[in-house]
Amino acid sequence: MILLVGRNGFIGRHLAAALAGRPHRLLAHDDPWAELLGPAVSCLLWCGRDPRLGTADWRREDDLETVAARACADRGVPLISLSSRKVYAPAAAPLGEGSPLGPVDRYGEQKLALEEALEAILGPLLTRLRLANIFGWEPGRRSFAGRMLDRLAAKGEILFDVSPFTPRDFLPVEVAAAWILRLAEEPPGGVVNLGSGLAVPVGRMALWLIAGFGAGRLLITDPAERDPFLLDTTRLRKLLGETIGEPEIAAACRGLGRRLARSGPGTMPPAQPSRRGM
């Protein structure tokens, strides 16, 4: 049985939907999950996120994921942790699991500190998934896709303060959820990059979204190229035997645009804290 903690988050909701038909339990971040860590649990999939991550208030020792790691270590239960590509140092080459680490913002620094704490507790029982830019239907979130959706709905435009040619690794959340569950069936241990392995210019993402919406324009306030990245997903492909192509990413963006057009004006939820790409 897979025990999923963090059912209410962006990725957690999609994992919960994808778990239908499999033995599982779904819990919120603050539910009493520890008492369920028995012999029937084959994997703890931790999607809970400390709301203080990325701020000066976060403390590694207070993060509930470290508590979960100790409980898993005591019971011999594998844990899958959702980390971030932001733990890597910026590089022009694709980022492999062994690439140099060197976060450039507080969120990345804290994610790396959390990774190190979990590894010290769990050793080979820990699988760290370093996520690319996971996107989907997320209006109201201060994420890349969330901001595009909100601006397009409110003003009929998408506004970038970065070059539209900036390449990044994007993966639709539905695909990410399916792949994460495949890994949870037999946790491989160690680090696994989870992304498309494709360098897609951010401007294409915006134009695909606009095409699905049926109207809109892309505005650039600053043409500087910032934060390009691409994950080397060789290990992921070997583990799963699956890939995704640019046509599937384009189709996902157009689908979001069509959904936005159907939602009508005045339906956008209030902004939520960003997951910072995890």
C-alpha atoms as a PDB file:
ATOM      1  CA  MET A   1       0.000   0.000   0.000  1.00  0.00           C
ATOM      2  CA  ILE A   2       1.223   3.503  -0.858  1.00  0.00           C
ATOM      3  CA  LEU A   3       0.719   6.084   1.866  1.00  0.00           C
ATOM      4  CA  LEU A   4       0.406   9.562   0.322  1.00  0.00           C
ATOM      5  CA  VAL A   5       0.873  12.544   2.625  1.00  0.00           C
ATOM      6  CA  GLY A   6      -0.018  15.917   1.112  1.00  0.00           C
ATOM      7  CA  ARG A   7      -3.194  15.095  -0.784  1.00  0.00           C
ATOM      8  CA  ASN A   8      -4.321  18.734  -0.999  1.00  0.00           C
ATOM      9  CA  GLY A   9      -1.298  20.177  -2.777  1.00  0.00           C
ATOM     10  CA  PHE A  10      -0.974  20.777  -6.517  1.00  0.00           C
ATOM     11  CA  ILE A  11       0.979  17.587  -7.233  1.00  0.00           C
ATOM     12  CA  GLY A  12      -0.669  15.692  -4.371  1.00  0.00           C
ATOM     13  CA  ARG A  13      -4.146  16.147  -5.865  1.00  0.00           C
ATOM     14  CA  HIS A  14      -3.041  14.650  -9.164  1.00  0.00           C
ATOM     15  CA  LEU A  15      -1.273  11.785  -7.410  1.00  0.00           C
ATOM     16  CA  ALA A  16      -4.432  11.104  -5.426  1.00  0.00           C
ATOM     17  CA  ALA A  17      -6.457  10.908  -8.639  1.00  0.00           C
ATOM     18  CA  ALA A  18      -3.898   8.637 -10.289  1.00  0.00           C
ATOM     19  CA  LEU A  19      -3.898   6.268  -7.285  1.00  0.00           C
ATOM     20  CA  ALA A  20      -7.493   5.204  -7.960  1.00  0.00           C
ATOM     21  CA  GLY A  21      -7.641   1.432  -8.207  1.00  0.00           C
ATOM     22  CA  ARG A  22      -4.397   0.851  -6.273  1.00  0.00           C
ATOM     23  CA  PRO A  23      -4.042   0.077  -2.559  1.00  0.00           C
ATOM     24  CA  HIS A  24      -3.420   3.440  -0.919  1.00  0.00           C
ATOM     25  CA  ARG A  25      -4.280   5.890   1.840  1.00  0.00           C
ATOM     26  CA  LEU A  26      -4.553   9.658   1.329  1.00  0.00           C
ATOM     27  CA  LEU A  27      -3.690  12.066   4.113  1.00  0.00           C
ATOM     28  CA  ALA A  28      -3.243  15.778   4.557  1.00  0.00           C
ATOM     29  CA  HIS A  29       0.094  17.187   5.668  1.00  0.00           C
ATOM     30  CA  ASP A  30      -1.083  17.547   9.279  1.00  0.00           C
ATOM     31  CA  ASP A  31      -3.128  14.331   9.589  1.00  0.00           C
ATOM     32  CA  PRO A  32      -1.973  11.634  12.081  1.00  0.00           C
ATOM     33  CA  TRP A  33      -0.169   9.614   9.423  1.00  0.00           C
ATOM     34  CA  ALA A  34       2.587   8.074  11.593  1.00  0.00           C
ATOM     35  CA  GLU A  35       0.253   5.525  13.189  1.00  0.00           C
ATOM     36  CA  LEU A  36      -0.443   4.087   9.728  1.00  0.00           C
ATOM     37  CA  LEU A  37       3.208   3.219   9.018  1.00  0.00           C
ATOM     38  CA  GLY A  38       2.790  -0.511   9.415  1.00  0.00           C
ATOM     39  CA  PRO A  39       3.866  -3.610   7.483  1.00  0.00           C
ATOM     40  CA  ALA A  40       1.163  -3.000   4.876  1.00  0.00           C
ATOM     41  CA  VAL A  41       2.831   0.239   3.734  1.00  0.00           C
ATOM     42  CA  SER A  42       5.241  -0.351   0.857  1.00  0.00           C
ATOM     43  CA  CYS A  43       6.173   3.318   0.433  1.00  0.00           C
ATOM     44  CA  LEU A  44       5.532   6.701   2.042  1.00  0.00           C
ATOM     45  CA  LEU A  45       5.098   9.283  -0.711  1.00  0.00           C
ATOM     46  CA  TRP A  46       5.667  12.653   0.934  1.00  0.00           C
ATOM     47  CA  CYS A  47       4.043  15.560  -0.911  1.00  0.00           C
ATOM     48  CA  GLY A  48       3.480  17.724   2.141  1.00  0.00           C
ATOM     49  CA  ARG A  49       5.256  21.048   2.010  1.00  0.00           C
ATOM     50  CA  ASP A  50       6.218  23.178   4.981  1.00  0.00           C
ATOM     51  CA  PRO A  51       4.638  26.590   4.219  1.00  0.00           C
ATOM     52  CA  ARG A  52       7.759  28.275   5.595  1.00  0.00           C
ATOM     53  CA  LEU A  53      10.036  26.805   2.914  1.00  0.00           C
ATOM     54  CA  GLY A  54      11.726  29.614   1.026  1.00  0.00           C
ATOM     55  CA  THR A  55      11.448  32.031   3.942  1.00  0.00           C
ATOM     56  CA  ALA A  56      13.692  32.991   6.845  1.00  0.00           C
ATOM     57  CA  ASP A  57      11.288  31.218   9.229  1.00  0.00           C
ATOM     58  CA  TRP A  58      11.980  27.701   7.934  1.00  0.00           C
ATOM     59  CA  ARG A  59      13.981  25.394  10.192  1.00  0.00           C
ATOM     60  CA  ARG A  60      15.155  22.011   9.013  1.00  0.00           C
ATOM     61  CA  GLU A  61      14.582  20.407  12.408  1.00  0.00           C
ATOM     62  CA  ASP A  62      10.971  21.644  12.479  1.00  0.00           C
ATOM     63  CA  ASP A  63      10.035  20.357   9.028  1.00  0.00           C
ATOM     64  CA  LEU A  64       7.593  17.446   9.381  1.00  0.00           C
ATOM     65  CA  GLU A  65       9.325  15.602   6.559  1.00  0.00           C
ATOM     66  CA  THR A  66      12.297  14.965   8.862  1.00  0.00           C
ATOM     67  CA  VAL A  67       9.856  13.533  11.423  1.00  0.00           C
ATOM     68  CA  ALA A  68       8.460  11.281   8.700  1.00  0.00           C
ATOM     69  CA  ALA A  69      11.972  10.171   7.766  1.00  0.00           C
ATOM     70  CA  ARG A  70      12.719   9.057  11.339  1.00  0.00           C
ATOM     71  CA  ALA A  71       9.446   7.136  11.498  1.00  0.00           C
ATOM     72  CA  CYS A  72      10.215   5.432   8.175  1.00  0.00           C
ATOM     73  CA  ALA A  73      13.754   4.578   9.301  1.00  0.00           C
ATOM     74  CA  ASP A  74      12.410   2.963  12.488  1.00  0.00           C
ATOM     75  CA  ARG A  75       9.963   0.815  10.511  1.00  0.00           C
ATOM     76  CA  GLY A  76      12.064   0.145   7.408  1.00  0.00           C
ATOM     77  CA  VAL A  77       9.607   1.903   5.090  1.00  0.00           C
ATOM     78  CA  PRO A  78      10.977   3.558   1.903  1.00  0.00           C
ATOM     79  CA  LEU A  79      10.253   7.269   1.544  1.00  0.00           C
ATOM     80  CA  ILE A  80       9.956   9.209  -1.711  1.00  0.00           C
ATOM     81  CA  SER A  81      10.644  12.924  -1.315  1.00  0.00           C
ATOM     82  CA  LEU A  82       9.775  15.606  -3.868  1.00  0.00           C
ATOM     83  CA  SER A  83      12.819  17.844  -4.125  1.00  0.00           C
ATOM     84  CA  SER A  84      13.746  20.475  -6.704  1.00  0.00           C
ATOM     85  CA  ARG A  85      16.052  21.077  -9.628  1.00  0.00           C
ATOM     86  CA  LYS A  86      16.922  24.288  -7.762  1.00  0.00           C
ATOM     87  CA  VAL A  87      19.454  22.380  -5.652  1.00  0.00           C
ATOM     88  CA  TYR A  88      21.777  22.256  -8.693  1.00  0.00           C
ATOM     89  CA  ALA A  89      24.306  24.910  -9.595  1.00  0.00           C
ATOM     90  CA  PRO A  90      23.452  26.746 -12.838  1.00  0.00           C
ATOM     91  CA  ALA A  91      25.055  25.057 -15.858  1.00  0.00           C
ATOM     92  CA  ALA A  92      24.874  25.229 -19.633  1.00  0.00           C
ATOM     93  CA  ALA A  93      24.945  21.437 -19.954  1.00  0.00           C
ATOM     94  CA  PRO A  94      22.030  19.191 -18.970  1.00  0.00           C
ATOM     95  CA  LEU A  95      21.897  18.648 -15.214  1.00  0.00           C
ATOM     96  CA  GLY A  96      22.525  15.042 -14.265  1.00  0.00           C
ATOM     97  CA  GLU A  97      22.013  13.540 -10.834  1.00  0.00           C
ATOM     98  CA  GLY A  98      25.750  13.863 -10.231  1.00  0.00           C
ATOM     99  CA  SER A  99      26.038  17.468 -11.436  1.00  0.00           C
ATOM    100  CA  PRO A 100      27.495  20.057  -9.039  1.00  0.00           C
ATOM    101  CA  LEU A 101      25.141  21.371  -6.392  1.00  0.00           C
ATOM    102  CA  GLY A 102      24.926  25.104  -5.761  1.00  0.00           C
ATOM    103  CA  PRO A 103      21.539  26.684  -5.115  1.00  0.00           C
ATOM    104  CA  VAL A 104      21.260  30.349  -6.027  1.00  0.00           C
ATOM    105  CA  ASP A 105      18.216  31.226  -3.922  1.00  0.00           C
ATOM    106  CA  ARG A 106      16.924  30.554  -0.416  1.00  0.00           C
ATOM    107  CA  TYR A 107      14.377  27.992  -1.573  1.00  0.00           C
ATOM    108  CA  GLY A 108      17.044  25.905  -3.294  1.00  0.00           C
ATOM    109  CA  GLU A 109      19.366  26.170  -0.302  1.00  0.00           C
ATOM    110  CA  GLN A 110      16.655  24.955   2.044  1.00  0.00           C
ATOM    111  CA  LYS A 111      15.630  22.120  -0.282  1.00  0.00           C
ATOM    112  CA  LEU A 112      19.252  20.943  -0.389  1.00  0.00           C
ATOM    113  CA  ALA A 113      19.542  21.155   3.399  1.00  0.00           C
ATOM    114  CA  LEU A 114      16.372  19.078   3.702  1.00  0.00           C
ATOM    115  CA  GLU A 115      17.685  16.506   1.214  1.00  0.00           C
ATOM    116  CA  GLU A 116      20.885  16.140   3.238  1.00  0.00           C
ATOM    117  CA  ALA A 117      18.962  15.693   6.488  1.00  0.00           C
ATOM    118  CA  LEU A 118      16.686  13.040   4.993  1.00  0.00           C
ATOM    119  CA  GLU A 119      19.617  11.148   3.480  1.00  0.00           C
ATOM    120  CA  ALA A 120      21.429  11.104   6.828  1.00  0.00           C
ATOM    121  CA  ILE A 121      18.349   9.573   8.470  1.00  0.00           C
ATOM    122  CA  LEU A 122      17.208   7.126   5.786  1.00  0.00           C
ATOM    123  CA  GLY A 123      20.199   6.219   3.648  1.00  0.00           C
ATOM    124  CA  PRO A 124      19.163   3.799   0.861  1.00  0.00           C
ATOM    125  CA  LEU A 125      15.498   3.913   1.962  1.00  0.00           C
ATOM    126  CA  LEU A 126      15.275   7.459   0.546  1.00  0.00           C
ATOM    127  CA  THR A 127      14.437   8.314  -3.078  1.00  0.00           C
ATOM    128  CA  ARG A 128      14.890  12.008  -3.915  1.00  0.00           C
ATOM    129  CA  LEU A 129      12.991  13.195  -6.981  1.00  0.00           C
ATOM    130  CA  ARG A 130      14.440  16.451  -8.299  1.00  0.00           C
ATOM    131  CA  LEU A 131      11.559  17.970 -10.179  1.00  0.00           C
ATOM    132  CA  ALA A 132      11.648  20.096 -13.303  1.00  0.00           C
ATOM    133  CA  ASN A 133       8.974  22.754 -13.877  1.00  0.00           C
ATOM    134  CA  ILE A 134       5.793  20.750 -13.287  1.00  0.00           C
ATOM    135  CA  PHE A 135       2.812  22.593 -14.786  1.00  0.00           C
ATOM    136  CA  GLY A 136      -0.923  22.202 -15.172  1.00  0.00           C
ATOM    137  CA  TRP A 137      -4.239  23.825 -14.286  1.00  0.00           C
ATOM    138  CA  GLU A 138      -3.080  26.092 -11.487  1.00  0.00           C
ATOM    139  CA  PRO A 139      -4.723  29.535 -11.661  1.00  0.00           C
ATOM    140  CA  GLY A 140      -4.162  31.511  -8.491  1.00  0.00           C
ATOM    141  CA  ARG A 141      -0.736  29.960  -7.816  1.00  0.00           C
ATOM    142  CA  ARG A 142       2.341  32.138  -8.054  1.00  0.00           C
ATOM    143  CA  SER A 143       4.019  29.630 -10.322  1.00  0.00           C
ATOM    144  CA  PHE A 144       5.095  29.982 -13.947  1.00  0.00           C
ATOM    145  CA  ALA A 145       1.889  28.501 -15.373  1.00  0.00           C
ATOM    146  CA  GLY A 146      -0.280  30.043 -12.668  1.00  0.00           C
ATOM    147  CA  ARG A 147       0.870  33.555 -13.461  1.00  0.00           C
ATOM    148  CA  MET A 148       0.354  33.008 -17.191  1.00  0.00           C
ATOM    149  CA  LEU A 149      -3.181  31.736 -16.636  1.00  0.00           C
ATOM    150  CA  ASP A 150      -4.121  34.587 -14.311  1.00  0.00           C
ATOM    151  CA  ARG A 151      -2.772  37.323 -16.563  1.00  0.00           C
ATOM    152  CA  LEU A 152      -4.308  35.857 -19.689  1.00  0.00           C
ATOM    153  CA  ALA A 153      -7.706  35.581 -17.995  1.00  0.00           C
ATOM    154  CA  ALA A 154      -7.582  39.073 -16.480  1.00  0.00           C
ATOM    155  CA  LYS A 155      -5.937  41.124 -19.241  1.00  0.00           C
ATOM    156  CA  GLY A 156      -5.849  38.985 -22.370  1.00  0.00           C
ATOM    157  CA  GLU A 157      -2.061  38.924 -22.354  1.00  0.00           C
ATOM    158  CA  ILE A 158       0.967  37.138 -20.926  1.00  0.00           C
ATOM    159  CA  LEU A 159       3.762  39.291 -19.539  1.00  0.00           C
ATOM    160  CA  PHE A 160       7.378  38.069 -19.341  1.00  0.00           C
ATOM    161  CA  ASP A 161      10.368  39.758 -17.718  1.00  0.00           C
ATOM    162  CA  VAL A 162      12.644  37.208 -19.386  1.00  0.00           C
ATOM    163  CA  SER A 163      13.603  36.362 -22.953  1.00  0.00           C
ATOM    164  CA  PRO A 164      10.989  34.180 -24.680  1.00  0.00           C
ATOM    165  CA  PHE A 165      13.878  32.101 -26.014  1.00  0.00           C
ATOM    166  CA  THR A 166      14.924  30.999 -22.502  1.00  0.00           C
ATOM    167  CA  PRO A 167      14.879  27.165 -22.529  1.00  0.00           C
ATOM    168  CA  ARG A 168      13.524  25.259 -19.535  1.00  0.00           C
ATOM    169  CA  ASP A 169      12.459  21.726 -18.754  1.00  0.00           C
ATOM    170  CA  PHE A 170       8.654  21.444 -18.448  1.00  0.00           C
ATOM    171  CA  LEU A 171       6.536  18.415 -17.595  1.00  0.00           C
ATOM    172  CA  PRO A 172       2.710  18.232 -17.435  1.00  0.00           C
ATOM    173  CA  VAL A 173       1.539  17.402 -13.926  1.00  0.00           C
ATOM    174  CA  GLU A 174      -0.590  14.475 -15.104  1.00  0.00           C
ATOM    175  CA  VAL A 175       2.493  12.838 -16.627  1.00  0.00           C
ATOM    176  CA  ALA A 176       4.572  13.671 -13.550  1.00  0.00           C
ATOM    177  CA  ALA A 177       1.980  12.033 -11.280  1.00  0.00           C
ATOM    178  CA  ALA A 178       1.866   8.860 -13.381  1.00  0.00           C
ATOM    179  CA  TRP A 179       5.660   8.590 -13.411  1.00  0.00           C
ATOM    180  CA  ILE A 180       5.996   9.264  -9.683  1.00  0.00           C
ATOM    181  CA  LEU A 181       3.560   6.452  -8.936  1.00  0.00           C
ATOM    182  CA  ARG A 182       5.495   4.102 -11.216  1.00  0.00           C
ATOM    183  CA  LEU A 183       8.586   4.856  -9.142  1.00  0.00           C
ATOM    184  CA  ALA A 184       6.640   4.445  -5.890  1.00  0.00           C
ATOM    185  CA  GLU A 185       5.717   0.876  -6.854  1.00  0.00           C
ATOM    186  CA  GLU A 186       9.385  -0.069  -6.509  1.00  0.00           C
ATOM    187  CA  PRO A 187      11.356   2.883  -5.027  1.00  0.00           C
ATOM    188  CA  PRO A 188      14.800   2.897  -6.660  1.00  0.00           C
ATOM    189  CA  GLY A 189      16.620   4.869  -3.959  1.00  0.00           C
ATOM    190  CA  GLY A 190      19.093   7.671  -4.555  1.00  0.00           C
ATOM    191  CA  VAL A 191      18.422  10.683  -6.765  1.00  0.00           C
ATOM    192  CA  VAL A 192      16.183  10.679  -9.841  1.00  0.00           C
ATOM    193  CA  ASN A 193      15.635  13.701 -12.060  1.00  0.00           C
ATOM    194  CA  LEU A 194      11.969  13.993 -12.992  1.00  0.00           C
ATOM    195  CA  GLY A 195      11.395  16.096 -16.091  1.00  0.00           C
ATOM    196  CA  SER A 196      10.780  15.876 -19.806  1.00  0.00           C
ATOM    197  CA  GLY A 197      14.455  16.095 -20.704  1.00  0.00           C
ATOM    198  CA  LEU A 198      13.457  18.685 -23.345  1.00  0.00           C
ATOM    199  CA  ALA A 199      14.630  22.285 -23.578  1.00  0.00           C
ATOM    200  CA  VAL A 200      11.428  24.160 -24.437  1.00  0.00           C
ATOM    201  CA  PRO A 201      11.584  27.970 -24.857  1.00  0.00           C
ATOM    202  CA  VAL A 202       9.263  29.698 -22.381  1.00  0.00           C
ATOM    203  CA  GLY A 203       7.814  31.790 -25.233  1.00  0.00           C
ATOM    204  CA  ARG A 204       6.525  28.651 -26.934  1.00  0.00           C
ATOM    205  CA  MET A 205       4.728  27.674 -23.728  1.00  0.00           C
ATOM    206  CA  ALA A 206       3.017  31.060 -23.692  1.00  0.00           C
ATOM    207  CA  LEU A 207       2.054  30.963 -27.374  1.00  0.00           C
ATOM    208  CA  TRP A 208       0.640  27.449 -27.073  1.00  0.00           C
ATOM    209  CA  LEU A 209      -1.459  28.597 -24.127  1.00  0.00           C
ATOM    210  CA  ILE A 210      -2.679  31.647 -26.068  1.00  0.00           C
ATOM    211  CA  ALA A 211      -3.511  29.436 -29.070  1.00  0.00           C
ATOM    212  CA  GLY A 212      -5.690  27.228 -26.886  1.00  0.00           C
ATOM    213  CA  PHE A 213      -7.347  30.255 -25.296  1.00  0.00           C
ATOM    214  CA  GLY A 214      -8.124  31.622 -28.740  1.00  0.00           C
ATOM    215  CA  ALA A 215      -6.867  35.168 -28.137  1.00  0.00           C
ATOM    216  CA  GLY A 216      -4.145  37.132 -26.399  1.00  0.00           C
ATOM    217  CA  ARG A 217      -0.670  38.513 -26.864  1.00  0.00           C
ATOM    218  CA  LEU A 218       2.782  37.940 -25.387  1.00  0.00           C
ATOM    219  CA  LEU A 219       4.603  41.012 -24.026  1.00  0.00           C
ATOM    220  CA  ILE A 220       8.286  41.117 -23.054  1.00  0.00           C
ATOM    221  CA  THR A 221       9.479  43.734 -20.553  1.00  0.00           C
ATOM    222  CA  ASP A 222      13.061  42.472 -20.270  1.00  0.00           C
ATOM    223  CA  PRO A 223      14.758  40.394 -23.002  1.00  0.00           C
ATOM    224  CA  ALA A 224      17.480  39.004 -20.723  1.00  0.00           C
ATOM    225  CA  GLU A 225      17.806  35.228 -20.637  1.00  0.00           C
ATOM    226  CA  ARG A 226      17.554  34.071 -17.022  1.00  0.00           C
ATOM    227  CA  ASP A 227      17.400  30.711 -15.299  1.00  0.00           C
ATOM    228  CA  PRO A 228      17.655  28.367 -18.299  1.00  0.00           C
ATOM    229  CA  PHE A 229      17.877  24.713 -17.284  1.00  0.00           C
ATOM    230  CA  LEU A 230      17.532  21.210 -18.649  1.00  0.00           C
ATOM    231  CA  LEU A 231      17.510  17.971 -16.669  1.00  0.00           C
ATOM    232  CA  ASP A 232      19.340  14.891 -17.853  1.00  0.00           C
ATOM    233  CA  THR A 233      16.619  12.246 -17.475  1.00  0.00           C
ATOM    234  CA  THR A 234      18.679   9.219 -18.537  1.00  0.00           C
ATOM    235  CA  ARG A 235      18.137   7.412 -15.222  1.00  0.00           C
ATOM    236  CA  LEU A 236      14.403   8.120 -15.285  1.00  0.00           C
ATOM    237  CA  ARG A 237      14.098   6.688 -18.807  1.00  0.00           C
ATOM    238  CA  LYS A 238      16.001   3.553 -17.802  1.00  0.00           C
ATOM    239  CA  LEU A 239      13.780   3.043 -14.760  1.00  0.00           C
ATOM    240  CA  LEU A 240      10.454   3.623 -16.530  1.00  0.00           C
ATOM    241  CA  GLY A 241      11.088   3.071 -20.225  1.00  0.00           C
ATOM    242  CA  GLU A 242       8.916   6.119 -20.963  1.00  0.00           C
ATOM    243  CA  THR A 243       9.483   9.483 -22.607  1.00  0.00           C
ATOM    244  CA  ILE A 244       7.457  12.531 -23.592  1.00  0.00           C
ATOM    245  CA  GLY A 245       7.817  14.693 -26.686  1.00  0.00           C
ATOM    246  CA  GLU A 246       7.301  18.367 -27.433  1.00  0.00           C
ATOM    247  CA  PRO A 247       3.941  17.696 -29.173  1.00  0.00           C
ATOM    248  CA  GLU A 248       2.547  16.319 -25.892  1.00  0.00           C
ATOM    249  CA  ILE A 249       3.748  19.384 -23.988  1.00  0.00           C
ATOM    250  CA  ALA A 250       2.229  21.677 -26.616  1.00  0.00           C
ATOM    251  CA  ALA A 251      -1.073  19.774 -26.432  1.00  0.00           C
ATOM    252  CA  ALA A 252      -1.113  20.131 -22.643  1.00  0.00           C
ATOM    253  CA  CYS A 253      -0.617  23.911 -22.932  1.00  0.00           C
ATOM    254  CA  ARG A 254      -3.348  24.276 -25.540  1.00  0.00           C
ATOM    255  CA  GLY A 255      -5.653  22.224 -23.341  1.00  0.00           C
ATOM    256  CA  LEU A 256      -5.045  24.628 -20.454  1.00  0.00           C
ATOM    257  CA  GLY A 257      -5.876  27.547 -22.752  1.00  0.00           C
ATOM    258  CA  ARG A 258      -9.138  25.940 -23.825  1.00  0.00           C
ATOM    259  CA  ARG A 259     -10.063  25.239 -20.219  1.00  0.00           C
ATOM    260  CA  LEU A 260      -9.322  28.847 -19.326  1.00  0.00           C
ATOM    261  CA  ALA A 261     -11.570  30.057 -22.153  1.00  0.00           C
ATOM    262  CA  ARG A 262     -14.409  27.848 -20.882  1.00  0.00           C
ATOM    263  CA  SER A 263     -14.004  29.002 -17.283  1.00  0.00           C
ATOM    264  CA  GLY A 264     -15.193  32.539 -18.125  1.00  0.00           C
ATOM    265  CA  PRO A 265     -14.294  35.838 -16.432  1.00  0.00           C
ATOM    266  CA  GLY A 266     -14.285  36.261 -12.680  1.00  0.00           C
ATOM    267  CA  THR A 267     -13.579  32.606 -11.927  1.00  0.00           C
ATOM    268  CA  MET A 268      -9.909  32.835 -10.992  1.00  0.00           C
ATOM    269  CA  PRO A 269      -9.208  31.869  -7.368  1.00  0.00           C
ATOM    270  CA  PRO A 270      -7.137  34.088  -5.080  1.00  0.00           C
ATOM    271  CA  ALA A 271      -3.386  33.840  -5.439  1.00  0.00           C
ATOM    272  CA  GLN A 272      -1.668  31.077  -3.472  1.00  0.00           C
ATOM    273  CA  PRO A 273       1.980  30.836  -2.378  1.00  0.00           C
ATOM    274  CA  SER A 274       4.324  29.659  -5.079  1.00  0.00           C
ATOM    275  CA  ARG A 275       5.779  26.151  -5.039  1.00  0.00           C
ATOM    276  CA  ARG A 276       8.826  27.748  -6.725  1.00  0.00           C
ATOM    277  CA  GLY A 277       9.056  24.978  -9.355  1.00  0.00           C
ATOM    278  CA  MET A 278      10.077  22.433  -6.643  1.00  0.00           C
END
